[in-house]
């Protein structure tokens, strides 16, 4: 029942990893996403 409208490079539905459950992967990715936003846009010194 794969629905290609649900999956793309930033989709929270993506889970194509054999070694982690969806919940484990999502928890880890959420931390990484916040880190990437901080690096790209976030708290820089003057």
ModelCIF file with pLDDT and N, C-alpha, C, O atoms, coordinates in Angstrom:
data_MODEL
#
_entry.id   MODEL 
#
_entity.id                         1 
_entity.type                       polymer 
_entity.pdbx_number_of_molecules   1 
#
_entity_poly.entity_id                      1 
_entity_poly.type                           'polypeptide(L)' 
_entity_poly.nstd_linkage                   no 
_entity_poly.nstd_monomer                   no 
_entity_poly.pdbx_seq_one_letter_code       
;(UNK)(UNK)(UNK)(UNK)(UNK)(UNK)(UNK)(UNK)(UNK)(UNK)(UNK)(UNK)(UNK)(UNK)(UNK)(UNK)
(UNK)(UNK)(UNK)(UNK)(UNK)(UNK)(UNK)(UNK)(UNK)(UNK)(UNK)(UNK)(UNK)(UNK)(UNK)(UNK)
(UNK)(UNK)(UNK)(UNK)(UNK)(UNK)(UNK)(UNK)(UNK)(UNK)(UNK)(UNK)(UNK)(UNK)
;
_entity_poly.pdbx_seq_one_letter_code_can   XXXXXXXXXXXXXXXXXXXXXXXXXXXXXXXXXXXXXXXXXXXXXX 
_entity_poly.pdbx_strand_id                 A 
#
loop_
_entity_poly_seq.entity_id 
_entity_poly_seq.num 
_entity_poly_seq.mon_id 
_entity_poly_seq.hetero 
1 1  UNK n 
1 2  UNK n 
1 3  UNK n 
1 4  UNK n 
1 5  UNK n 
1 6  UNK n 
1 7  UNK n 
1 8  UNK n 
1 9  UNK n 
1 10 UNK n 
1 11 UNK n 
1 12 UNK n 
1 13 UNK n 
1 14 UNK n 
1 15 UNK n 
1 16 UNK n 
1 17 UNK n 
1 18 UNK n 
1 19 UNK n 
1 20 UNK n 
1 21 UNK n 
1 22 UNK n 
1 23 UNK n 
1 24 UNK n 
1 25 UNK n 
1 26 UNK n 
1 27 UNK n 
1 28 UNK n 
1 29 UNK n 
1 30 UNK n 
1 31 UNK n 
1 32 UNK n 
1 33 UNK n 
1 34 UNK n 
1 35 UNK n 
1 36 UNK n 
1 37 UNK n 
1 38 UNK n 
1 39 UNK n 
1 40 UNK n 
1 41 UNK n 
1 42 UNK n 
1 43 UNK n 
1 44 UNK n 
1 45 UNK n 
1 46 UNK n 
#
_struct_asym.id          A 
_struct_asym.entity_id   1 
#
loop_
_ma_qa_metric.id 
_ma_qa_metric.mode 
_ma_qa_metric.name 
_ma_qa_metric.software_group_id 
_ma_qa_metric.type 
1 global pLDDT . pLDDT 
2 local  pLDDT . pLDDT 
#
_ma_qa_metric_global.metric_id      1 
_ma_qa_metric_global.metric_value   88.80 
_ma_qa_metric_global.model_id       1 
_ma_qa_metric_global.ordinal_id     1 
#
loop_
_ma_qa_metric_local.label_asym_id 
_ma_qa_metric_local.label_comp_id 
_ma_qa_metric_local.label_seq_id 
_ma_qa_metric_local.metric_id 
_ma_qa_metric_local.metric_value 
_ma_qa_metric_local.model_id 
_ma_qa_metric_local.ordinal_id 
A UNK 1  2 87.00 1 1  
A UNK 2  2 90.00 1 2  
A UNK 3  2 91.00 1 3  
A UNK 4  2 88.00 1 4  
A UNK 5  2 90.00 1 5  
A UNK 6  2 93.00 1 6  
A UNK 7  2 94.00 1 7  
A UNK 8  2 94.00 1 8  
A UNK 9  2 94.00 1 9  
A UNK 10 2 92.00 1 10 
A UNK 11 2 95.00 1 11 
A UNK 12 2 95.00 1 12 
A UNK 13 2 95.00 1 13 
A UNK 14 2 96.00 1 14 
A UNK 15 2 96.00 1 15 
A UNK 16 2 96.00 1 16 
A UNK 17 2 95.00 1 17 
A UNK 18 2 93.00 1 18 
A UNK 19 2 92.00 1 19 
A UNK 20 2 95.00 1 20 
A UNK 21 2 96.00 1 21 
A UNK 22 2 96.00 1 22 
A UNK 23 2 96.00 1 23 
A UNK 24 2 96.00 1 24 
A UNK 25 2 96.00 1 25 
A UNK 26 2 95.00 1 26 
A UNK 27 2 95.00 1 27 
A UNK 28 2 96.00 1 28 
A UNK 29 2 95.00 1 29 
A UNK 30 2 94.00 1 30 
A UNK 31 2 94.00 1 31 
A UNK 32 2 95.00 1 32 
A UNK 33 2 94.00 1 33 
A UNK 34 2 92.00 1 34 
A UNK 35 2 93.00 1 35 
A UNK 36 2 94.00 1 36 
A UNK 37 2 92.00 1 37 
A UNK 38 2 90.00 1 38 
A UNK 39 2 90.00 1 39 
A UNK 40 2 90.00 1 40 
A UNK 41 2 84.00 1 41 
A UNK 42 2 71.00 1 42 
A UNK 43 2 49.00 1 43 
A UNK 44 2 46.00 1 44 
A UNK 45 2 46.00 1 45 
A UNK 46 2 49.00 1 46 
#
loop_
_atom_site.group_PDB 
_atom_site.id 
_atom_site.type_symbol 
_atom_site.label_atom_id 
_atom_site.label_alt_id 
_atom_site.label_comp_id 
_atom_site.label_asym_id 
_atom_site.label_entity_id 
_atom_site.label_seq_id 
_atom_site.pdbx_PDB_ins_code 
_atom_site.Cartn_x 
_atom_site.Cartn_y 
_atom_site.Cartn_z 
_atom_site.occupancy 
_atom_site.B_iso_or_equiv 
_atom_site.pdbx_formal_charge 
_atom_site.auth_seq_id 
_atom_site.auth_comp_id 
_atom_site.auth_asym_id 
_atom_site.auth_atom_id 
_atom_site.pdbx_PDB_model_num 
ATOM 1   N N  . UNK A 1 1  ? 0.828  -1.218 0.000  1.00 87.00 ? 1  UNK A N  1 
ATOM 2   C CA . UNK A 1 1  ? 0.000  0.000  0.000  1.00 87.00 ? 1  UNK A CA 1 
ATOM 3   C C  . UNK A 1 1  ? 0.861  1.266  0.000  1.00 87.00 ? 1  UNK A C  1 
ATOM 4   O O  . UNK A 1 1  ? 0.390  2.321  0.425  1.00 87.00 ? 1  UNK A O  1 
ATOM 5   N N  . UNK A 1 2  ? 2.092  1.186  -0.460 1.00 90.00 ? 2  UNK A N  1 
ATOM 6   C CA . UNK A 1 2  ? 3.014  2.328  -0.491 1.00 90.00 ? 2  UNK A CA 1 
ATOM 7   C C  . UNK A 1 2  ? 2.369  3.509  -1.214 1.00 90.00 ? 2  UNK A C  1 
ATOM 8   O O  . UNK A 1 2  ? 1.886  3.375  -2.339 1.00 90.00 ? 2  UNK A O  1 
ATOM 9   N N  . UNK A 1 3  ? 2.370  4.668  -0.549 1.00 91.00 ? 3  UNK A N  1 
ATOM 10  C CA . UNK A 1 3  ? 1.783  5.889  -1.100 1.00 91.00 ? 3  UNK A CA 1 
ATOM 11  C C  . UNK A 1 3  ? 2.906  6.910  -1.255 1.00 91.00 ? 3  UNK A C  1 
ATOM 12  O O  . UNK A 1 3  ? 3.381  7.475  -0.270 1.00 91.00 ? 3  UNK A O  1 
ATOM 13  N N  . UNK A 1 4  ? 3.331  7.145  -2.508 1.00 88.00 ? 4  UNK A N  1 
ATOM 14  C CA . UNK A 1 4  ? 4.512  7.993  -2.705 1.00 88.00 ? 4  UNK A CA 1 
ATOM 15  C C  . UNK A 1 4  ? 4.276  9.444  -2.329 1.00 88.00 ? 4  UNK A C  1 
ATOM 16  O O  . UNK A 1 4  ? 5.237  10.208 -2.240 1.00 88.00 ? 4  UNK A O  1 
ATOM 17  N N  . UNK A 1 5  ? 3.024  9.857  -2.105 1.00 90.00 ? 5  UNK A N  1 
ATOM 18  C CA . UNK A 1 5  ? 2.773  11.241 -1.691 1.00 90.00 ? 5  UNK A CA 1 
ATOM 19  C C  . UNK A 1 5  ? 3.202  11.487 -0.246 1.00 90.00 ? 5  UNK A C  1 
ATOM 20  O O  . UNK A 1 5  ? 3.318  12.638 0.176  1.00 90.00 ? 5  UNK A O  1 
ATOM 21  N N  . UNK A 1 6  ? 3.437  10.424 0.514  1.00 93.00 ? 6  UNK A N  1 
ATOM 22  C CA . UNK A 1 6  ? 3.775  10.559 1.925  1.00 93.00 ? 6  UNK A CA 1 
ATOM 23  C C  . UNK A 1 6  ? 5.271  10.631 2.185  1.00 93.00 ? 6  UNK A C  1 
ATOM 24  O O  . UNK A 1 6  ? 5.692  10.952 3.296  1.00 93.00 ? 6  UNK A O  1 
ATOM 25  N N  . UNK A 1 7  ? 6.077  10.336 1.171  1.00 94.00 ? 7  UNK A N  1 
ATOM 26  C CA . UNK A 1 7  ? 7.509  10.165 1.408  1.00 94.00 ? 7  UNK A CA 1 
ATOM 27  C C  . UNK A 1 7  ? 8.344  11.096 0.535  1.00 94.00 ? 7  UNK A C  1 
ATOM 28  O O  . UNK A 1 7  ? 8.232  11.096 -0.691 1.00 94.00 ? 7  UNK A O  1 
ATOM 29  N N  . UNK A 1 8  ? 9.176  11.883 1.192  1.00 94.00 ? 8  UNK A N  1 
ATOM 30  C CA . UNK A 1 8  ? 10.130 12.756 0.504  1.00 94.00 ? 8  UNK A CA 1 
ATOM 31  C C  . UNK A 1 8  ? 11.226 13.071 1.515  1.00 94.00 ? 8  UNK A C  1 
ATOM 32  O O  . UNK A 1 8  ? 11.180 12.568 2.637  1.00 94.00 ? 8  UNK A O  1 
ATOM 33  N N  . UNK A 1 9  ? 12.200 13.880 1.152  1.00 94.00 ? 9  UNK A N  1 
ATOM 34  C CA . UNK A 1 9  ? 13.425 13.975 1.940  1.00 94.00 ? 9  UNK A CA 1 
ATOM 35  C C  . UNK A 1 9  ? 13.284 14.596 3.324  1.00 94.00 ? 9  UNK A C  1 
ATOM 36  O O  . UNK A 1 9  ? 14.202 14.483 4.137  1.00 94.00 ? 9  UNK A O  1 
ATOM 37  N N  . UNK A 1 10 ? 12.156 15.249 3.616  1.00 92.00 ? 10 UNK A N  1 
ATOM 38  C CA . UNK A 1 10 ? 11.961 15.764 4.973  1.00 92.00 ? 10 UNK A CA 1 
ATOM 39  C C  . UNK A 1 10 ? 10.692 15.215 5.625  1.00 92.00 ? 10 UNK A C  1 
ATOM 40  O O  . UNK A 1 10 ? 10.230 15.750 6.632  1.00 92.00 ? 10 UNK A O  1 
ATOM 41  N N  . UNK A 1 11 ? 10.134 14.159 5.058  1.00 95.00 ? 11 UNK A N  1 
ATOM 42  C CA . UNK A 1 11 ? 8.871  13.638 5.577  1.00 95.00 ? 11 UNK A CA 1 
ATOM 43  C C  . UNK A 1 11 ? 9.068  12.897 6.896  1.00 95.00 ? 11 UNK A C  1 
ATOM 44  O O  . UNK A 1 11 ? 9.963  12.060 7.010  1.00 95.00 ? 11 UNK A O  1 
ATOM 45  N N  . UNK A 1 12 ? 8.233  13.203 7.897  1.00 95.00 ? 12 UNK A N  1 
ATOM 46  C CA . UNK A 1 12 ? 8.326  12.476 9.169  1.00 95.00 ? 12 UNK A CA 1 
ATOM 47  C C  . UNK A 1 12 ? 7.786  11.046 9.065  1.00 95.00 ? 12 UNK A C  1 
ATOM 48  O O  . UNK A 1 12 ? 7.897  10.272 10.016 1.00 95.00 ? 12 UNK A O  1 
ATOM 49  N N  . UNK A 1 13 ? 7.204  10.696 7.916  1.00 95.00 ? 13 UNK A N  1 
ATOM 50  C CA . UNK A 1 13 ? 6.694  9.340  7.712  1.00 95.00 ? 13 UNK A CA 1 
ATOM 51  C C  . UNK A 1 13 ? 7.800  8.371  7.294  1.00 95.00 ? 13 UNK A C  1 
ATOM 52  O O  . UNK A 1 13 ? 7.630  7.156  7.400  1.00 95.00 ? 13 UNK A O  1 
ATOM 53  N N  . UNK A 1 14 ? 8.926  8.898  6.821  1.00 96.00 ? 14 UNK A N  1 
ATOM 54  C CA . UNK A 1 14 ? 9.989  8.041  6.301  1.00 96.00 ? 14 UNK A CA 1 
ATOM 55  C C  . UNK A 1 14 ? 10.517 7.097  7.382  1.00 96.00 ? 14 UNK A C  1 
ATOM 56  O O  . UNK A 1 14 ? 10.960 7.528  8.447  1.00 96.00 ? 14 UNK A O  1 
ATOM 57  N N  . UNK A 1 15 ? 10.458 5.811  7.081  1.00 96.00 ? 15 UNK A N  1 
ATOM 58  C CA . UNK A 1 15 ? 11.070 4.798  7.955  1.00 96.00 ? 15 UNK A CA 1 
ATOM 59  C C  . UNK A 1 15 ? 11.435 3.604  7.078  1.00 96.00 ? 15 UNK A C  1 
ATOM 60  O O  . UNK A 1 15 ? 10.650 2.675  6.892  1.00 96.00 ? 15 UNK A O  1 
ATOM 61  N N  . UNK A 1 16 ? 12.650 3.665  6.548  1.00 96.00 ? 16 UNK A N  1 
ATOM 62  C CA . UNK A 1 16 ? 13.139 2.596  5.675  1.00 96.00 ? 16 UNK A CA 1 
ATOM 63  C C  . UNK A 1 16 ? 14.461 2.063  6.227  1.00 96.00 ? 16 UNK A C  1 
ATOM 64  O O  . UNK A 1 16 ? 15.408 1.783  5.492  1.00 96.00 ? 16 UNK A O  1 
ATOM 65  N N  . UNK A 1 17 ? 14.482 1.938  7.544  1.00 95.00 ? 17 UNK A N  1 
ATOM 66  C CA . UNK A 1 17 ? 15.684 1.564  8.274  1.00 95.00 ? 17 UNK A CA 1 
ATOM 67  C C  . UNK A 1 17 ? 15.402 0.281  9.051  1.00 95.00 ? 17 UNK A C  1 
ATOM 68  O O  . UNK A 1 17 ? 14.524 0.256  9.913  1.00 95.00 ? 17 UNK A O  1 
ATOM 69  N N  . UNK A 1 18 ? 16.148 -0.788 8.746  1.00 93.00 ? 18 UNK A N  1 
ATOM 70  C CA . UNK A 1 18 ? 15.899 -2.098 9.369  1.00 93.00 ? 18 UNK A CA 1 
ATOM 71  C C  . UNK A 1 18 ? 16.323 -2.144 10.831 1.00 93.00 ? 18 UNK A C  1 
ATOM 72  O O  . UNK A 1 18 ? 15.794 -2.932 11.616 1.00 93.00 ? 18 UNK A O  1 
ATOM 73  N N  . UNK A 1 19 ? 17.277 -1.299 11.190 1.00 92.00 ? 19 UNK A N  1 
ATOM 74  C CA . UNK A 1 19 ? 17.940 -1.440 12.489 1.00 92.00 ? 19 UNK A CA 1 
ATOM 75  C C  . UNK A 1 19 ? 17.285 -0.661 13.617 1.00 92.00 ? 19 UNK A C  1 
ATOM 76  O O  . UNK A 1 19 ? 17.701 -0.782 14.770 1.00 92.00 ? 19 UNK A O  1 
ATOM 77  N N  . UNK A 1 20 ? 16.258 0.145  13.304 1.00 95.00 ? 20 UNK A N  1 
ATOM 78  C CA . UNK A 1 20 ? 15.586 0.930  14.340 1.00 95.00 ? 20 UNK A CA 1 
ATOM 79  C C  . UNK A 1 20 ? 14.086 0.911  14.110 1.00 95.00 ? 20 UNK A C  1 
ATOM 80  O O  . UNK A 1 20 ? 13.614 0.828  12.977 1.00 95.00 ? 20 UNK A O  1 
ATOM 81  N N  . UNK A 1 21 ? 13.343 0.990  15.216 1.00 96.00 ? 21 UNK A N  1 
ATOM 82  C CA . UNK A 1 21 ? 11.897 1.131  15.078 1.00 96.00 ? 21 UNK A CA 1 
ATOM 83  C C  . UNK A 1 21 ? 11.595 2.550  14.591 1.00 96.00 ? 21 UNK A C  1 
ATOM 84  O O  . UNK A 1 21 ? 12.459 3.426  14.621 1.00 96.00 ? 21 UNK A O  1 
ATOM 85  N N  . UNK A 1 22 ? 10.369 2.758  14.147 1.00 96.00 ? 22 UNK A N  1 
ATOM 86  C CA . UNK A 1 22 ? 9.971  4.095  13.708 1.00 96.00 ? 22 UNK A CA 1 
ATOM 87  C C  . UNK A 1 22 ? 10.154 5.100  14.836 1.00 96.00 ? 22 UNK A C  1 
ATOM 88  O O  . UNK A 1 22 ? 10.664 6.197  14.611 1.00 96.00 ? 22 UNK A O  1 
ATOM 89  N N  . UNK A 1 23 ? 9.743  4.737  16.049 1.00 96.00 ? 23 UNK A N  1 
ATOM 90  C CA . UNK A 1 23 ? 9.821  5.658  17.182 1.00 96.00 ? 23 UNK A CA 1 
ATOM 91  C C  . UNK A 1 23 ? 11.270 6.006  17.502 1.00 96.00 ? 23 UNK A C  1 
ATOM 92  O O  . UNK A 1 23 ? 11.584 7.165  17.776 1.00 96.00 ? 23 UNK A O  1 
ATOM 93  N N  . UNK A 1 24 ? 12.154 5.011  17.470 1.00 96.00 ? 24 UNK A N  1 
ATOM 94  C CA . UNK A 1 24 ? 13.575 5.267  17.742 1.00 96.00 ? 24 UNK A CA 1 
ATOM 95  C C  . UNK A 1 24 ? 14.173 6.201  16.686 1.00 96.00 ? 24 UNK A C  1 
ATOM 96  O O  . UNK A 1 24 ? 14.901 7.140  17.007 1.00 96.00 ? 24 UNK A O  1 
ATOM 97  N N  . UNK A 1 25 ? 13.853 5.924  15.436 1.00 96.00 ? 25 UNK A N  1 
ATOM 98  C CA . UNK A 1 25 ? 14.393 6.748  14.351 1.00 96.00 ? 25 UNK A CA 1 
ATOM 99  C C  . UNK A 1 25 ? 13.869 8.176  14.449 1.00 96.00 ? 25 UNK A C  1 
ATOM 100 O O  . UNK A 1 25 ? 14.628 9.132  14.294 1.00 96.00 ? 25 UNK A O  1 
ATOM 101 N N  . UNK A 1 26 ? 12.568 8.321  14.707 1.00 95.00 ? 26 UNK A N  1 
ATOM 102 C CA . UNK A 1 26 ? 11.963 9.652  14.737 1.00 95.00 ? 26 UNK A CA 1 
ATOM 103 C C  . UNK A 1 26 ? 12.535 10.498 15.880 1.00 95.00 ? 26 UNK A C  1 
ATOM 104 O O  . UNK A 1 26 ? 12.774 11.694 15.714 1.00 95.00 ? 26 UNK A O  1 
ATOM 105 N N  . UNK A 1 27 ? 12.754 9.863  17.051 1.00 95.00 ? 27 UNK A N  1 
ATOM 106 C CA . UNK A 1 27 ? 13.332 10.599 18.182 1.00 95.00 ? 27 UNK A CA 1 
ATOM 107 C C  . UNK A 1 27 ? 14.719 11.130 17.827 1.00 95.00 ? 27 UNK A C  1 
ATOM 108 O O  . UNK A 1 27 ? 15.054 12.276 18.127 1.00 95.00 ? 27 UNK A O  1 
ATOM 109 N N  . UNK A 1 28 ? 15.508 10.293 17.195 1.00 96.00 ? 28 UNK A N  1 
ATOM 110 C CA . UNK A 1 28 ? 16.868 10.682 16.825 1.00 96.00 ? 28 UNK A CA 1 
ATOM 111 C C  . UNK A 1 28 ? 16.856 11.766 15.752 1.00 96.00 ? 28 UNK A C  1 
ATOM 112 O O  . UNK A 1 28 ? 17.616 12.731 15.826 1.00 96.00 ? 28 UNK A O  1 
ATOM 113 N N  . UNK A 1 29 ? 15.989 11.599 14.754 1.00 95.00 ? 29 UNK A N  1 
ATOM 114 C CA . UNK A 1 29 ? 15.926 12.583 13.665 1.00 95.00 ? 29 UNK A CA 1 
ATOM 115 C C  . UNK A 1 29 ? 15.431 13.934 14.154 1.00 95.00 ? 29 UNK A C  1 
ATOM 116 O O  . UNK A 1 29 ? 15.886 14.969 13.666 1.00 95.00 ? 29 UNK A O  1 
ATOM 117 N N  . UNK A 1 30 ? 14.512 13.945 15.102 1.00 94.00 ? 30 UNK A N  1 
ATOM 118 C CA . UNK A 1 30 ? 13.997 15.216 15.628 1.00 94.00 ? 30 UNK A CA 1 
ATOM 119 C C  . UNK A 1 30 ? 15.122 16.030 16.263 1.00 94.00 ? 30 UNK A C  1 
ATOM 120 O O  . UNK A 1 30 ? 15.185 17.248 16.094 1.00 94.00 ? 30 UNK A O  1 
ATOM 121 N N  . UNK A 1 31 ? 16.003 15.358 16.988 1.00 94.00 ? 31 UNK A N  1 
ATOM 122 C CA . UNK A 1 31 ? 17.151 16.045 17.586 1.00 94.00 ? 31 UNK A CA 1 
ATOM 123 C C  . UNK A 1 31 ? 18.087 16.590 16.505 1.00 94.00 ? 31 UNK A C  1 
ATOM 124 O O  . UNK A 1 31 ? 18.580 17.714 16.604 1.00 94.00 ? 31 UNK A O  1 
ATOM 125 N N  . UNK A 1 32 ? 18.323 15.777 15.472 1.00 95.00 ? 32 UNK A N  1 
ATOM 126 C CA . UNK A 1 32 ? 19.224 16.193 14.389 1.00 95.00 ? 32 UNK A CA 1 
ATOM 127 C C  . UNK A 1 32 ? 18.632 17.374 13.629 1.00 95.00 ? 32 UNK A C  1 
ATOM 128 O O  . UNK A 1 32 ? 19.351 18.303 13.261 1.00 95.00 ? 32 UNK A O  1 
ATOM 129 N N  . UNK A 1 33 ? 17.323 17.341 13.396 1.00 94.00 ? 33 UNK A N  1 
ATOM 130 C CA . UNK A 1 33 ? 16.663 18.435 12.669 1.00 94.00 ? 33 UNK A CA 1 
ATOM 131 C C  . UNK A 1 33 ? 16.805 19.758 13.415 1.00 94.00 ? 33 UNK A C  1 
ATOM 132 O O  . UNK A 1 33 ? 17.057 20.796 12.804 1.00 94.00 ? 33 UNK A O  1 
ATOM 133 N N  . UNK A 1 34 ? 16.643 19.719 14.727 1.00 92.00 ? 34 UNK A N  1 
ATOM 134 C CA . UNK A 1 34 ? 16.801 20.940 15.511 1.00 92.00 ? 34 UNK A CA 1 
ATOM 135 C C  . UNK A 1 34 ? 18.246 21.428 15.480 1.00 92.00 ? 34 UNK A C  1 
ATOM 136 O O  . UNK A 1 34 ? 18.506 22.631 15.430 1.00 92.00 ? 34 UNK A O  1 
ATOM 137 N N  . UNK A 1 35 ? 19.184 20.476 15.510 1.00 93.00 ? 35 UNK A N  1 
ATOM 138 C CA . UNK A 1 35 ? 20.599 20.837 15.438 1.00 93.00 ? 35 UNK A CA 1 
ATOM 139 C C  . UNK A 1 35 ? 20.928 21.495 14.107 1.00 93.00 ? 35 UNK A C  1 
ATOM 140 O O  . UNK A 1 35 ? 21.637 22.501 14.069 1.00 93.00 ? 35 UNK A O  1 
ATOM 141 N N  . UNK A 1 36 ? 20.415 20.933 13.008 1.00 94.00 ? 36 UNK A N  1 
ATOM 142 C CA . UNK A 1 36 ? 20.679 21.494 11.677 1.00 94.00 ? 36 UNK A CA 1 
ATOM 143 C C  . UNK A 1 36 ? 20.108 22.898 11.569 1.00 94.00 ? 36 UNK A C  1 
ATOM 144 O O  . UNK A 1 36 ? 20.762 23.789 11.027 1.00 94.00 ? 36 UNK A O  1 
ATOM 145 N N  . UNK A 1 37 ? 18.904 23.111 12.075 1.00 92.00 ? 37 UNK A N  1 
ATOM 146 C CA . UNK A 1 37 ? 18.316 24.454 12.042 1.00 92.00 ? 37 UNK A CA 1 
ATOM 147 C C  . UNK A 1 37 ? 19.142 25.446 12.858 1.00 92.00 ? 37 UNK A C  1 
ATOM 148 O O  . UNK A 1 37 ? 19.312 26.597 12.456 1.00 92.00 ? 37 UNK A O  1 
ATOM 149 N N  . UNK A 1 38 ? 19.655 24.995 14.009 1.00 90.00 ? 38 UNK A N  1 
ATOM 150 C CA . UNK A 1 38 ? 20.494 25.888 14.821 1.00 90.00 ? 38 UNK A CA 1 
ATOM 151 C C  . UNK A 1 38 ? 21.769 26.267 14.066 1.00 90.00 ? 38 UNK A C  1 
ATOM 152 O O  . UNK A 1 38 ? 22.191 27.424 14.079 1.00 90.00 ? 38 UNK A O  1 
ATOM 153 N N  . UNK A 1 39 ? 22.373 25.280 13.414 1.00 90.00 ? 39 UNK A N  1 
ATOM 154 C CA . UNK A 1 39 ? 23.614 25.550 12.679 1.00 90.00 ? 39 UNK A CA 1 
ATOM 155 C C  . UNK A 1 39 ? 23.348 26.475 11.492 1.00 90.00 ? 39 UNK A C  1 
ATOM 156 O O  . UNK A 1 39 ? 24.109 27.410 11.242 1.00 90.00 ? 39 UNK A O  1 
ATOM 157 N N  . UNK A 1 40 ? 22.263 26.205 10.762 1.00 90.00 ? 40 UNK A N  1 
ATOM 158 C CA . UNK A 1 40 ? 21.986 26.979 9.547  1.00 90.00 ? 40 UNK A CA 1 
ATOM 159 C C  . UNK A 1 40 ? 21.412 28.364 9.826  1.00 90.00 ? 40 UNK A C  1 
ATOM 160 O O  . UNK A 1 40 ? 21.715 29.320 9.113  1.00 90.00 ? 40 UNK A O  1 
ATOM 161 N N  . UNK A 1 41 ? 20.578 28.471 10.867 1.00 84.00 ? 41 UNK A N  1 
ATOM 162 C CA . UNK A 1 41 ? 19.852 29.721 11.070 1.00 84.00 ? 41 UNK A CA 1 
ATOM 163 C C  . UNK A 1 41 ? 19.945 30.284 12.484 1.00 84.00 ? 41 UNK A C  1 
ATOM 164 O O  . UNK A 1 41 ? 19.480 31.389 12.762 1.00 84.00 ? 41 UNK A O  1 
ATOM 165 N N  . UNK A 1 42 ? 20.556 29.497 13.371 1.00 71.00 ? 42 UNK A N  1 
ATOM 166 C CA . UNK A 1 42 ? 20.307 29.762 14.781 1.00 71.00 ? 42 UNK A CA 1 
ATOM 167 C C  . UNK A 1 42 ? 21.237 30.681 15.496 1.00 71.00 ? 42 UNK A C  1 
ATOM 168 O O  . UNK A 1 42 ? 21.648 31.716 14.971 1.00 71.00 ? 42 UNK A O  1 
ATOM 169 N N  . UNK A 1 43 ? 21.570 30.296 16.709 1.00 49.00 ? 43 UNK A N  1 
ATOM 170 C CA . UNK A 1 43 ? 22.204 31.200 17.667 1.00 49.00 ? 43 UNK A CA 1 
ATOM 171 C C  . UNK A 1 43 ? 23.683 31.396 17.334 1.00 49.00 ? 43 UNK A C  1 
ATOM 172 O O  . UNK A 1 43 ? 24.533 30.595 17.721 1.00 49.00 ? 43 UNK A O  1 
ATOM 173 N N  . UNK A 1 44 ? 23.967 32.470 16.615 1.00 46.00 ? 44 UNK A N  1 
ATOM 174 C CA . UNK A 1 44 ? 25.335 32.836 16.294 1.00 46.00 ? 44 UNK A CA 1 
ATOM 175 C C  . UNK A 1 44 ? 25.764 33.998 17.193 1.00 46.00 ? 44 UNK A C  1 
ATOM 176 O O  . UNK A 1 44 ? 24.957 34.849 17.563 1.00 46.00 ? 44 UNK A O  1 
ATOM 177 N N  . UNK A 1 45 ? 27.037 34.010 17.527 1.00 46.00 ? 45 UNK A N  1 
ATOM 178 C CA . UNK A 1 45 ? 27.557 35.169 18.245 1.00 46.00 ? 45 UNK A CA 1 
ATOM 179 C C  . UNK A 1 45 ? 27.571 36.361 17.292 1.00 46.00 ? 45 UNK A C  1 
ATOM 180 O O  . UNK A 1 45 ? 27.492 36.194 16.074 1.00 46.00 ? 45 UNK A O  1 
ATOM 181 N N  . UNK A 1 46 ? 27.673 37.574 17.861 1.00 49.00 ? 46 UNK A N  1 
ATOM 182 C CA . UNK A 1 46 ? 27.712 38.772 17.020 1.00 49.00 ? 46 UNK A CA 1 
ATOM 183 C C  . UNK A 1 46 ? 28.899 38.712 16.060 1.00 49.00 ? 46 UNK A C  1 
ATOM 184 O O  . UNK A 1 46 ? 29.100 39.633 15.269 1.00 49.00 ? 46 UNK A O  1 
#
